[in-house]
Amino acid sequence: MAYLEIQDNVRASAVCKSWYEAAVSVRIIDQPPWLIHFPKTKNTYGWLLMSKENSSDFVLFNPFTKDLVVLPYLELWNYYKLVGFSCAPTSSDCVVFTIKDYDPGHVTIRTWSPGQTMWTSMQVESQFLDVEHNNVVFLNGLFYCLNRRNCLAVFDPTLRIWNVLDVPPPRCPDEIDEENWYEGKFVVGYKGDIFIICTCGRKDPLVFKLDLTRGMWEQKYTLGSLTIFASIKSSESRTYVSKGMLKNSVYFPKLCNNEKRCVAYSFDEGRYHQREQSLDWGNEISSDNIWIEPPKNVLELV
């Protein structure tokens, strides 16, 4: 039972009483992430990648334990077009990744890992980066980078190889304004798969899943048991959320109901909660809101 996906676990629990007891005993309810407000931040495993405005101060910070890791000097890092990290800096496997286009046709990639006193740097020929709306997600040991035009590139931090993939971007539907199509975009990973969530005003969000075997983005009309918590700086995914939360849904970092709830879209119901919400991400203050994974003993820390 412990190795079953949640939907198979639920089906098995309906067979008989003994199966029900066995299934429930190993069923884990995922703790939803918390939504916090931090400008100029990236998040992974409860840690935040932060800097000051127009500063070279560059740190990893855990807001729950107050642990702080000061990274080596990096000139005006906030001008870098993409930043991200693989896992908590308490792990020797942690890699902090930055990329910037110093001159047309070239990008400079810098990485740092615990124990290093300097950044490791490399330059490659590439016109991949856009001025804004670039995204990065770490998955399967690789940094997957998505630019404003929805083109995809991969950086392997072990082999130090940068590769722009031959994967056509998802097509913008005719009824959607192309400018909004590029702005309201979120990227998340789940069990080896990459998803893009595209939103445009009051239009229903569109979800695409990367199919590397076929070299294409496949549109998905349901998330099944998956719930996605989307934000511009960092997105999270859960398969079995706690009672009272919507499954087969996307939660956005925009507050409603006197800031007591987040805007969410249910694929089961085919509508937003709340109904009349507009998601104009080009002008949203909530772009500084970020989902963060709290530790399991969070109530002992706050």
C-alpha atoms as a PDB file:
ATOM      1  CA  MET A   1       0.000   0.000   0.000  1.00  0.00           C
ATOM      2  CA  ALA A   2       2.807   2.402   0.837  1.00  0.00           C
ATOM      3  CA  TYR A   3       4.016   2.384  -2.783  1.00  0.00           C
ATOM      4  CA  LEU A   4       0.638   3.198  -4.376  1.00  0.00           C
ATOM      5  CA  GLU A   5      -0.230   6.572  -5.868  1.00  0.00           C
ATOM      6  CA  ILE A   6      -2.867   8.349  -3.796  1.00  0.00           C
ATOM      7  CA  GLN A   7      -5.700   7.650  -6.260  1.00  0.00           C
ATOM      8  CA  ASP A   8      -4.845   3.912  -6.231  1.00  0.00           C
ATOM      9  CA  ASN A   9      -4.592   3.990  -2.434  1.00  0.00           C
ATOM     10  CA  VAL A  10      -8.127   5.411  -2.225  1.00  0.00           C
ATOM     11  CA  ARG A  11      -9.475   2.770  -4.635  1.00  0.00           C
ATOM     12  CA  ALA A  12      -7.811  -0.030  -2.657  1.00  0.00           C
ATOM     13  CA  SER A  13      -9.328   1.247   0.599  1.00  0.00           C
ATOM     14  CA  ALA A  14     -12.813   0.560  -0.805  1.00  0.00           C
ATOM     15  CA  VAL A  15     -12.215  -3.198  -1.252  1.00  0.00           C
ATOM     16  CA  CYS A  16     -12.777  -4.313   2.343  1.00  0.00           C
ATOM     17  CA  LYS A  17     -12.293  -3.277   5.956  1.00  0.00           C
ATOM     18  CA  SER A  18      -8.787  -4.725   6.317  1.00  0.00           C
ATOM     19  CA  TRP A  19      -7.647  -3.060   3.087  1.00  0.00           C
ATOM     20  CA  TYR A  20      -9.210   0.220   4.237  1.00  0.00           C
ATOM     21  CA  GLU A  21      -7.268   0.124   7.507  1.00  0.00           C
ATOM     22  CA  ALA A  22      -4.031  -0.732   5.693  1.00  0.00           C
ATOM     23  CA  ALA A  23      -4.516   2.018   3.095  1.00  0.00           C
ATOM     24  CA  VAL A  24      -5.374   4.738   5.613  1.00  0.00           C
ATOM     25  CA  SER A  25      -2.428   3.802   7.847  1.00  0.00           C
ATOM     26  CA  VAL A  26       0.089   4.730   5.125  1.00  0.00           C
ATOM     27  CA  ARG A  27      -1.852   7.593   3.517  1.00  0.00           C
ATOM     28  CA  ILE A  28       0.103  10.810   3.967  1.00  0.00           C
ATOM     29  CA  ILE A  29      -1.683  14.151   3.847  1.00  0.00           C
ATOM     30  CA  ASP A  30       0.624  16.698   2.250  1.00  0.00           C
ATOM     31  CA  GLN A  31       1.096  19.877   4.228  1.00  0.00           C
ATOM     32  CA  PRO A  32       0.258  22.816   1.950  1.00  0.00           C
ATOM     33  CA  PRO A  33       2.923  25.490   1.456  1.00  0.00           C
ATOM     34  CA  TRP A  34       2.638  28.875   3.148  1.00  0.00           C
ATOM     35  CA  LEU A  35       2.240  32.110   1.213  1.00  0.00           C
ATOM     36  CA  ILE A  36       4.576  34.892   2.344  1.00  0.00           C
ATOM     37  CA  HIS A  37       5.549  38.299   0.961  1.00  0.00           C
ATOM     38  CA  PHE A  38       9.239  38.774   0.180  1.00  0.00           C
ATOM     39  CA  PRO A  39      10.564  40.935  -2.684  1.00  0.00           C
ATOM     40  CA  LYS A  40      13.473  39.632  -4.775  1.00  0.00           C
ATOM     41  CA  THR A  41      13.317  36.087  -3.501  1.00  0.00           C
ATOM     42  CA  LYS A  42      13.527  32.498  -4.703  1.00  0.00           C
ATOM     43  CA  ASN A  43      12.411  29.541  -2.578  1.00  0.00           C
ATOM     44  CA  THR A  44      13.359  25.866  -2.254  1.00  0.00           C
ATOM     45  CA  TYR A  45      12.694  23.488   0.644  1.00  0.00           C
ATOM     46  CA  GLY A  46      11.868  26.245   3.121  1.00  0.00           C
ATOM     47  CA  TRP A  47      14.910  28.359   2.219  1.00  0.00           C
ATOM     48  CA  LEU A  48      14.840  31.753   0.513  1.00  0.00           C
ATOM     49  CA  LEU A  49      17.440  33.076  -1.925  1.00  0.00           C
ATOM     50  CA  MET A  50      17.574  36.814  -1.204  1.00  0.00           C
ATOM     51  CA  SER A  51      19.412  40.059  -1.905  1.00  0.00           C
ATOM     52  CA  LYS A  52      19.174  43.754  -1.157  1.00  0.00           C
ATOM     53  CA  GLU A  53      18.160  46.221  -3.870  1.00  0.00           C
ATOM     54  CA  ASN A  54      21.167  47.284  -5.992  1.00  0.00           C
ATOM     55  CA  SER A  55      23.501  45.286  -3.772  1.00  0.00           C
ATOM     56  CA  SER A  56      25.968  42.442  -4.077  1.00  0.00           C
ATOM     57  CA  ASP A  57      24.807  40.963  -0.756  1.00  0.00           C
ATOM     58  CA  PHE A  58      23.480  37.532  -1.662  1.00  0.00           C
ATOM     59  CA  VAL A  59      22.195  35.121   1.008  1.00  0.00           C
ATOM     60  CA  LEU A  60      20.226  31.949   1.628  1.00  0.00           C
ATOM     61  CA  PHE A  61      17.865  32.432   4.564  1.00  0.00           C
ATOM     62  CA  ASN A  62      15.529  30.083   6.437  1.00  0.00           C
ATOM     63  CA  PRO A  63      12.749  32.233   7.969  1.00  0.00           C
ATOM     64  CA  PHE A  64      11.661  29.417  10.300  1.00  0.00           C
ATOM     65  CA  THR A  65      15.020  28.548  11.891  1.00  0.00           C
ATOM     66  CA  LYS A  66      16.659  31.976  11.204  1.00  0.00           C
ATOM     67  CA  ASP A  67      19.670  30.172   9.690  1.00  0.00           C
ATOM     68  CA  LEU A  68      21.646  32.314   7.247  1.00  0.00           C
ATOM     69  CA  VAL A  69      24.214  31.368   4.592  1.00  0.00           C
ATOM     70  CA  VAL A  70      26.141  34.304   3.100  1.00  0.00           C
ATOM     71  CA  LEU A  71      27.233  33.573  -0.455  1.00  0.00           C
ATOM     72  CA  PRO A  72      30.476  34.795  -2.081  1.00  0.00           C
ATOM     73  CA  TYR A  73      30.581  38.249  -3.646  1.00  0.00           C
ATOM     74  CA  LEU A  74      28.703  38.494  -6.932  1.00  0.00           C
ATOM     75  CA  GLU A  75      28.615  41.860  -8.629  1.00  0.00           C
ATOM     76  CA  LEU A  76      25.069  43.280  -8.688  1.00  0.00           C
ATOM     77  CA  TRP A  77      23.473  39.828  -8.740  1.00  0.00           C
ATOM     78  CA  ASN A  78      19.940  41.277  -8.948  1.00  0.00           C
ATOM     79  CA  TYR A  79      20.630  42.148 -12.587  1.00  0.00           C
ATOM     80  CA  TYR A  80      20.909  38.463 -13.385  1.00  0.00           C
ATOM     81  CA  LYS A  81      18.019  37.274 -15.568  1.00  0.00           C
ATOM     82  CA  LEU A  82      17.677  33.867 -13.887  1.00  0.00           C
ATOM     83  CA  VAL A  83      18.545  32.662 -10.394  1.00  0.00           C
ATOM     84  CA  GLY A  84      17.648  29.456  -8.600  1.00  0.00           C
ATOM     85  CA  PHE A  85      18.979  26.694  -6.389  1.00  0.00           C
ATOM     86  CA  SER A  86      18.610  22.937  -6.259  1.00  0.00           C
ATOM     87  CA  CYS A  87      18.006  22.119  -2.582  1.00  0.00           C
ATOM     88  CA  ALA A  88      18.625  23.345   0.961  1.00  0.00           C
ATOM     89  CA  PRO A  89      22.200  24.575   1.578  1.00  0.00           C
ATOM     90  CA  THR A  90      22.442  22.119   4.477  1.00  0.00           C
ATOM     91  CA  SER A  91      23.021  19.481   1.773  1.00  0.00           C
ATOM     92  CA  SER A  92      26.378  19.131   0.038  1.00  0.00           C
ATOM     93  CA  ASP A  93      24.394  18.589  -3.180  1.00  0.00           C
ATOM     94  CA  CYS A  94      23.085  22.175  -3.107  1.00  0.00           C
ATOM     95  CA  VAL A  95      23.839  24.201  -6.250  1.00  0.00           C
ATOM     96  CA  VAL A  96      23.015  27.899  -6.599  1.00  0.00           C
ATOM     97  CA  PHE A  97      22.595  28.827 -10.267  1.00  0.00           C
ATOM     98  CA  THR A  98      22.704  32.268 -11.906  1.00  0.00           C
ATOM     99  CA  ILE A  99      22.724  33.317 -15.541  1.00  0.00           C
ATOM    100  CA  LYS A 100      23.177  36.707 -17.184  1.00  0.00           C
ATOM    101  CA  ASP A 101      23.697  38.053 -20.706  1.00  0.00           C
ATOM    102  CA  TYR A 102      26.694  40.400 -20.550  1.00  0.00           C
ATOM    103  CA  ASP A 103      26.773  40.995 -24.292  1.00  0.00           C
ATOM    104  CA  PRO A 104      24.533  40.057 -27.241  1.00  0.00           C
ATOM    105  CA  GLY A 105      24.823  36.426 -28.226  1.00  0.00           C
ATOM    106  CA  HIS A 106      26.506  35.230 -25.015  1.00  0.00           C
ATOM    107  CA  VAL A 107      25.367  34.260 -21.530  1.00  0.00           C
ATOM    108  CA  THR A 108      27.477  33.845 -18.405  1.00  0.00           C
ATOM    109  CA  ILE A 109      26.511  31.035 -16.027  1.00  0.00           C
ATOM    110  CA  ARG A 110      27.766  31.035 -12.438  1.00  0.00           C
ATOM    111  CA  THR A 111      27.266  28.315  -9.831  1.00  0.00           C
ATOM    112  CA  TRP A 112      28.083  27.912  -6.146  1.00  0.00           C
ATOM    113  CA  SER A 113      27.956  24.929  -3.776  1.00  0.00           C
ATOM    114  CA  PRO A 114      28.593  24.649  -0.007  1.00  0.00           C
ATOM    115  CA  GLY A 115      32.304  24.782   0.798  1.00  0.00           C
ATOM    116  CA  GLN A 116      33.228  26.979  -2.171  1.00  0.00           C
ATOM    117  CA  THR A 117      34.644  30.458  -1.549  1.00  0.00           C
ATOM    118  CA  MET A 118      34.149  31.665  -5.123  1.00  0.00           C
ATOM    119  CA  TRP A 119      31.627  31.277  -7.898  1.00  0.00           C
ATOM    120  CA  THR A 120      32.397  28.851 -10.724  1.00  0.00           C
ATOM    121  CA  SER A 121      31.887  30.648 -14.032  1.00  0.00           C
ATOM    122  CA  MET A 122      31.419  29.691 -17.678  1.00  0.00           C
ATOM    123  CA  GLN A 123      30.354  31.576 -20.807  1.00  0.00           C
ATOM    124  CA  VAL A 124      28.411  30.091 -23.715  1.00  0.00           C
ATOM    125  CA  GLU A 125      27.062  31.357 -27.015  1.00  0.00           C
ATOM    126  CA  SER A 126      23.312  31.785 -26.621  1.00  0.00           C
ATOM    127  CA  GLN A 127      20.544  34.308 -27.287  1.00  0.00           C
ATOM    128  CA  PHE A 128      18.154  32.534 -24.958  1.00  0.00           C
ATOM    129  CA  LEU A 129      17.467  35.130 -22.259  1.00  0.00           C
ATOM    130  CA  ASP A 130      14.728  37.744 -22.494  1.00  0.00           C
ATOM    131  CA  VAL A 131      14.565  41.055 -20.644  1.00  0.00           C
ATOM    132  CA  GLU A 132      11.998  39.686 -18.179  1.00  0.00           C
ATOM    133  CA  HIS A 133       9.658  36.764 -17.422  1.00  0.00           C
ATOM    134  CA  ASN A 134      12.374  34.098 -17.427  1.00  0.00           C
ATOM    135  CA  ASN A 135      11.718  31.066 -15.203  1.00  0.00           C
ATOM    136  CA  VAL A 136      13.818  28.240 -13.791  1.00  0.00           C
ATOM    137  CA  VAL A 137      12.974  24.950 -12.050  1.00  0.00           C
ATOM    138  CA  PHE A 138      15.354  22.251 -10.776  1.00  0.00           C
ATOM    139  CA  LEU A 139      14.314  18.714 -11.682  1.00  0.00           C
ATOM    140  CA  ASN A 140      16.053  15.360 -12.204  1.00  0.00           C
ATOM    141  CA  GLY A 141      19.444  16.926 -11.432  1.00  0.00           C
ATOM    142  CA  LEU A 142      19.025  19.633 -14.096  1.00  0.00           C
ATOM    143  CA  PHE A 143      18.061  23.310 -14.187  1.00  0.00           C
ATOM    144  CA  TYR A 144      15.259  23.773 -16.739  1.00  0.00           C
ATOM    145  CA  CYS A 145      15.024  27.381 -17.943  1.00  0.00           C
ATOM    146  CA  LEU A 146      12.017  28.891 -19.702  1.00  0.00           C
ATOM    147  CA  ASN A 147      12.200  32.329 -21.296  1.00  0.00           C
ATOM    148  CA  ARG A 148       9.452  34.831 -22.059  1.00  0.00           C
ATOM    149  CA  ARG A 149       8.837  33.250 -25.471  1.00  0.00           C
ATOM    150  CA  ASN A 150       8.341  29.834 -23.776  1.00  0.00           C
ATOM    151  CA  CYS A 151      11.536  28.429 -25.280  1.00  0.00           C
ATOM    152  CA  LEU A 152      13.245  25.800 -23.119  1.00  0.00           C
ATOM    153  CA  ALA A 153      16.904  25.314 -22.200  1.00  0.00           C
ATOM    154  CA  VAL A 154      18.678  22.959 -19.783  1.00  0.00           C
ATOM    155  CA  PHE A 155      21.811  23.363 -17.669  1.00  0.00           C
ATOM    156  CA  ASP A 156      23.548  20.302 -16.218  1.00  0.00           C
ATOM    157  CA  PRO A 157      25.503  21.511 -13.135  1.00  0.00           C
ATOM    158  CA  THR A 158      27.518  18.277 -12.936  1.00  0.00           C
ATOM    159  CA  LEU A 159      28.686  18.152 -16.556  1.00  0.00           C
ATOM    160  CA  ARG A 160      28.454  21.963 -16.889  1.00  0.00           C
ATOM    161  CA  ILE A 161      26.602  21.732 -20.196  1.00  0.00           C
ATOM    162  CA  TRP A 162      24.078  24.307 -21.463  1.00  0.00           C
ATOM    163  CA  ASN A 163      21.643  23.186 -24.151  1.00  0.00           C
ATOM    164  CA  VAL A 164      18.684  24.948 -25.781  1.00  0.00           C
ATOM    165  CA  LEU A 165      16.127  22.221 -26.511  1.00  0.00           C
ATOM    166  CA  ASP A 166      14.338  21.817 -29.825  1.00  0.00           C
ATOM    167  CA  VAL A 167      10.875  21.942 -28.256  1.00  0.00           C
ATOM    168  CA  PRO A 168       8.294  24.258 -29.894  1.00  0.00           C
ATOM    169  CA  PRO A 169       6.625  26.552 -27.320  1.00  0.00           C
ATOM    170  CA  PRO A 170       2.953  26.062 -26.437  1.00  0.00           C
ATOM    171  CA  ARG A 171       0.772  27.886 -28.941  1.00  0.00           C
ATOM    172  CA  CYS A 172      -1.064  30.990 -27.779  1.00  0.00           C
ATOM    173  CA  PRO A 173      -4.832  30.537 -28.376  1.00  0.00           C
ATOM    174  CA  ASP A 174      -6.355  32.974 -30.870  1.00  0.00           C
ATOM    175  CA  GLU A 175      -8.744  34.475 -28.309  1.00  0.00           C
ATOM    176  CA  ILE A 176      -5.951  35.407 -25.874  1.00  0.00           C
ATOM    177  CA  ASP A 177      -3.856  38.570 -26.086  1.00  0.00           C
ATOM    178  CA  GLU A 178      -0.273  37.551 -26.814  1.00  0.00           C
ATOM    179  CA  GLU A 179       1.217  40.055 -24.340  1.00  0.00           C
ATOM    180  CA  ASN A 180      -0.812  38.611 -21.447  1.00  0.00           C
ATOM    181  CA  TRP A 181       0.072  35.111 -22.635  1.00  0.00           C
ATOM    182  CA  TYR A 182       3.730  35.787 -21.923  1.00  0.00           C
ATOM    183  CA  GLU A 183       3.238  37.503 -18.549  1.00  0.00           C
ATOM    184  CA  GLY A 184       0.854  35.240 -16.617  1.00  0.00           C
ATOM    185  CA  LYS A 185       3.085  32.177 -16.668  1.00  0.00           C
ATOM    186  CA  PHE A 186       4.191  29.796 -13.901  1.00  0.00           C
ATOM    187  CA  VAL A 187       6.479  26.758 -13.968  1.00  0.00           C
ATOM    188  CA  VAL A 188       6.444  23.828 -11.533  1.00  0.00           C
ATOM    189  CA  GLY A 189       7.953  20.359 -11.323  1.00  0.00           C
ATOM    190  CA  TYR A 190       6.307  17.199 -10.022  1.00  0.00           C
ATOM    191  CA  LYS A 191       7.816  13.686  -9.898  1.00  0.00           C
ATOM    192  CA  GLY A 192      10.109  14.269 -12.857  1.00  0.00           C
ATOM    193  CA  ASP A 193       7.561  16.184 -14.961  1.00  0.00           C
ATOM    194  CA  ILE A 194       7.462  19.909 -15.785  1.00  0.00           C
ATOM    195  CA  PHE A 195       4.224  21.869 -16.030  1.00  0.00           C
ATOM    196  CA  ILE A 196       3.508  25.372 -17.350  1.00  0.00           C
ATOM    197  CA  ILE A 197       0.419  27.197 -16.085  1.00  0.00           C
ATOM    198  CA  CYS A 198      -0.692  30.092 -18.320  1.00  0.00           C
ATOM    199  CA  THR A 199      -3.292  32.642 -17.169  1.00  0.00           C
ATOM    200  CA  CYS A 200      -4.864  35.543 -19.024  1.00  0.00           C
ATOM    201  CA  GLY A 201      -7.263  37.835 -17.143  1.00  0.00           C
ATOM    202  CA  ARG A 202     -10.564  36.064 -16.495  1.00  0.00           C
ATOM    203  CA  LYS A 203      -9.848  33.328 -19.033  1.00  0.00           C
ATOM    204  CA  ASP A 204      -9.533  29.812 -17.651  1.00  0.00           C
ATOM    205  CA  PRO A 205      -5.875  28.899 -17.016  1.00  0.00           C
ATOM    206  CA  LEU A 206      -4.193  26.530 -19.441  1.00  0.00           C
ATOM    207  CA  VAL A 207      -1.835  23.785 -18.251  1.00  0.00           C
ATOM    208  CA  PHE A 208       0.850  22.163 -20.395  1.00  0.00           C
ATOM    209  CA  LYS A 209       3.056  19.195 -19.498  1.00  0.00           C
ATOM    210  CA  LEU A 210       6.456  18.702 -21.112  1.00  0.00           C
ATOM    211  CA  ASP A 211       6.800  15.514 -23.162  1.00  0.00           C
ATOM    212  CA  LEU A 212      10.527  15.244 -23.882  1.00  0.00           C
ATOM    213  CA  THR A 213      10.116  11.945 -25.740  1.00  0.00           C
ATOM    214  CA  ARG A 214       7.871  13.577 -28.357  1.00  0.00           C
ATOM    215  CA  GLY A 215       9.567  16.987 -28.099  1.00  0.00           C
ATOM    216  CA  MET A 216       6.392  18.920 -27.352  1.00  0.00           C
ATOM    217  CA  TRP A 217       4.187  20.525 -24.702  1.00  0.00           C
ATOM    218  CA  GLU A 218       0.980  18.543 -24.173  1.00  0.00           C
ATOM    219  CA  GLN A 219      -2.082  20.439 -22.963  1.00  0.00           C
ATOM    220  CA  LYS A 220      -3.672  18.909 -19.848  1.00  0.00           C
ATOM    221  CA  TYR A 221      -7.356  19.379 -19.059  1.00  0.00           C
ATOM    222  CA  THR A 222      -7.140  17.928 -15.553  1.00  0.00           C
ATOM    223  CA  LEU A 223      -4.473  17.623 -12.860  1.00  0.00           C
ATOM    224  CA  GLY A 224      -6.001  14.478 -11.351  1.00  0.00           C
ATOM    225  CA  SER A 225      -4.990  14.289  -7.693  1.00  0.00           C
ATOM    226  CA  LEU A 226      -2.418  17.067  -8.112  1.00  0.00           C
ATOM    227  CA  THR A 227      -2.796  20.554  -6.635  1.00  0.00           C
ATOM    228  CA  ILE A 228      -0.428  23.305  -7.802  1.00  0.00           C
ATOM    229  CA  PHE A 229       0.488  26.400  -5.791  1.00  0.00           C
ATOM    230  CA  ALA A 230       1.715  28.890  -8.402  1.00  0.00           C
ATOM    231  CA  SER A 231       3.730  32.072  -8.013  1.00  0.00           C
ATOM    232  CA  ILE A 232       6.079  33.963 -10.284  1.00  0.00           C
ATOM    233  CA  LYS A 233       9.157  33.362  -8.132  1.00  0.00           C
ATOM    234  CA  SER A 234       8.481  29.820  -6.928  1.00  0.00           C
ATOM    235  CA  SER A 235       5.742  27.222  -7.362  1.00  0.00           C
ATOM    236  CA  GLU A 236       4.921  24.090  -5.359  1.00  0.00           C
ATOM    237  CA  SER A 237       2.917  20.917  -6.067  1.00  0.00           C
ATOM    238  CA  ARG A 238       1.085  18.532  -3.735  1.00  0.00           C
ATOM    239  CA  THR A 239      -0.824  15.285  -4.384  1.00  0.00           C
ATOM    240  CA  TYR A 240      -3.016  14.995  -1.308  1.00  0.00           C
ATOM    241  CA  VAL A 241      -3.855  18.341   0.271  1.00  0.00           C
ATOM    242  CA  SER A 242      -5.492  18.780   3.654  1.00  0.00           C
ATOM    243  CA  LYS A 243      -9.237  18.938   4.257  1.00  0.00           C
ATOM    244  CA  GLY A 244     -10.892  22.131   3.074  1.00  0.00           C
ATOM    245  CA  MET A 245      -8.491  22.685   0.173  1.00  0.00           C
ATOM    246  CA  LEU A 246      -9.350  22.127  -3.470  1.00  0.00           C
ATOM    247  CA  LYS A 247      -7.867  19.155  -5.304  1.00  0.00           C
ATOM    248  CA  ASN A 248      -7.272  19.144  -9.062  1.00  0.00           C
ATOM    249  CA  SER A 249      -6.751  22.890  -8.744  1.00  0.00           C
ATOM    250  CA  VAL A 250      -4.261  25.734  -9.041  1.00  0.00           C
ATOM    251  CA  TYR A 251      -3.835  28.183  -6.149  1.00  0.00           C
ATOM    252  CA  PHE A 252      -2.504  31.632  -7.057  1.00  0.00           C
ATOM    253  CA  PRO A 253      -0.642  34.127  -4.822  1.00  0.00           C
ATOM    254  CA  LYS A 254      -3.474  36.662  -4.953  1.00  0.00           C
ATOM    255  CA  LEU A 255      -5.549  37.156  -1.804  1.00  0.00           C
ATOM    256  CA  CYS A 256      -9.319  37.679  -1.644  1.00  0.00           C
ATOM    257  CA  ASN A 257     -12.092  37.575   0.995  1.00  0.00           C
ATOM    258  CA  ASN A 258     -10.387  40.288   3.079  1.00  0.00           C
ATOM    259  CA  GLU A 259      -7.053  38.547   2.561  1.00  0.00           C
ATOM    260  CA  LYS A 260      -8.235  35.323   4.198  1.00  0.00           C
ATOM    261  CA  ARG A 261      -8.117  33.111   1.090  1.00  0.00           C
ATOM    262  CA  CYS A 262      -6.104  32.782  -2.095  1.00  0.00           C
ATOM    263  CA  VAL A 263      -7.598  32.850  -5.555  1.00  0.00           C
ATOM    264  CA  ALA A 264      -7.858  29.290  -6.885  1.00  0.00           C
ATOM    265  CA  TYR A 265      -9.048  27.641 -10.087  1.00  0.00           C
ATOM    266  CA  SER A 266     -10.810  24.260  -9.887  1.00  0.00           C
ATOM    267  CA  PHE A 267     -10.578  22.017 -12.952  1.00  0.00           C
ATOM    268  CA  ASP A 268     -13.378  19.870 -11.521  1.00  0.00           C
ATOM    269  CA  GLU A 269     -15.759  22.850 -11.457  1.00  0.00           C
ATOM    270  CA  GLY A 270     -14.230  24.739 -14.382  1.00  0.00           C
ATOM    271  CA  ARG A 271     -14.206  28.055 -12.518  1.00  0.00           C
ATOM    272  CA  TYR A 272     -12.277  30.382 -10.255  1.00  0.00           C
ATOM    273  CA  HIS A 273     -12.848  30.769  -6.523  1.00  0.00           C
ATOM    274  CA  GLN A 274     -13.786  33.648  -6.166  1.00  0.00           C
ATOM    275  CA  ARG A 275     -15.787  33.850  -9.368  1.00  0.00           C
ATOM    276  CA  GLU A 276     -15.035  37.414 -10.490  1.00  0.00           C
ATOM    277  CA  GLN A 277     -11.285  37.436 -10.024  1.00  0.00           C
ATOM    278  CA  SER A 278      -8.991  38.967 -12.632  1.00  0.00           C
ATOM    279  CA  LEU A 279      -5.390  37.789 -12.878  1.00  0.00           C
ATOM    280  CA  ASP A 280      -3.522  40.628 -14.560  1.00  0.00           C
ATOM    281  CA  TRP A 281      -0.002  39.556 -13.643  1.00  0.00           C
ATOM    282  CA  GLY A 282       1.585  42.418 -15.541  1.00  0.00           C
ATOM    283  CA  ASN A 283       0.302  44.771 -12.837  1.00  0.00           C
ATOM    284  CA  GLU A 284      -0.010  42.509  -9.787  1.00  0.00           C
ATOM    285  CA  ILE A 285       1.591  43.494  -6.483  1.00  0.00           C
ATOM    286  CA  SER A 286       1.305  39.800  -5.628  1.00  0.00           C
ATOM    287  CA  SER A 287       4.322  39.115  -7.860  1.00  0.00           C
ATOM    288  CA  ASP A 288       6.323  39.506  -4.627  1.00  0.00           C
ATOM    289  CA  ASN A 289       4.270  36.804  -2.889  1.00  0.00           C
ATOM    290  CA  ILE A 290       5.967  33.427  -2.732  1.00  0.00           C
ATOM    291  CA  TRP A 291       4.993  29.915  -1.646  1.00  0.00           C
ATOM    292  CA  ILE A 292       7.340  28.346   0.887  1.00  0.00           C
ATOM    293  CA  GLU A 293       7.492  24.826   2.304  1.00  0.00           C
ATOM    294  CA  PRO A 294       7.309  25.003   6.120  1.00  0.00           C
ATOM    295  CA  PRO A 295       9.082  22.362   8.229  1.00  0.00           C
ATOM    296  CA  LYS A 296       6.907  19.632   9.698  1.00  0.00           C
ATOM    297  CA  ASN A 297       7.543  20.996  13.209  1.00  0.00           C
ATOM    298  CA  VAL A 298       6.680  24.546  12.166  1.00  0.00           C
ATOM    299  CA  LEU A 299       4.321  25.120  15.118  1.00  0.00           C
ATOM    300  CA  GLU A 300       7.250  24.571  17.476  1.00  0.00           C
ATOM    301  CA  LEU A 301       9.250  27.275  15.681  1.00  0.00           C
ATOM    302  CA  VAL A 302       6.692  30.094  15.406  1.00  0.00           C
END
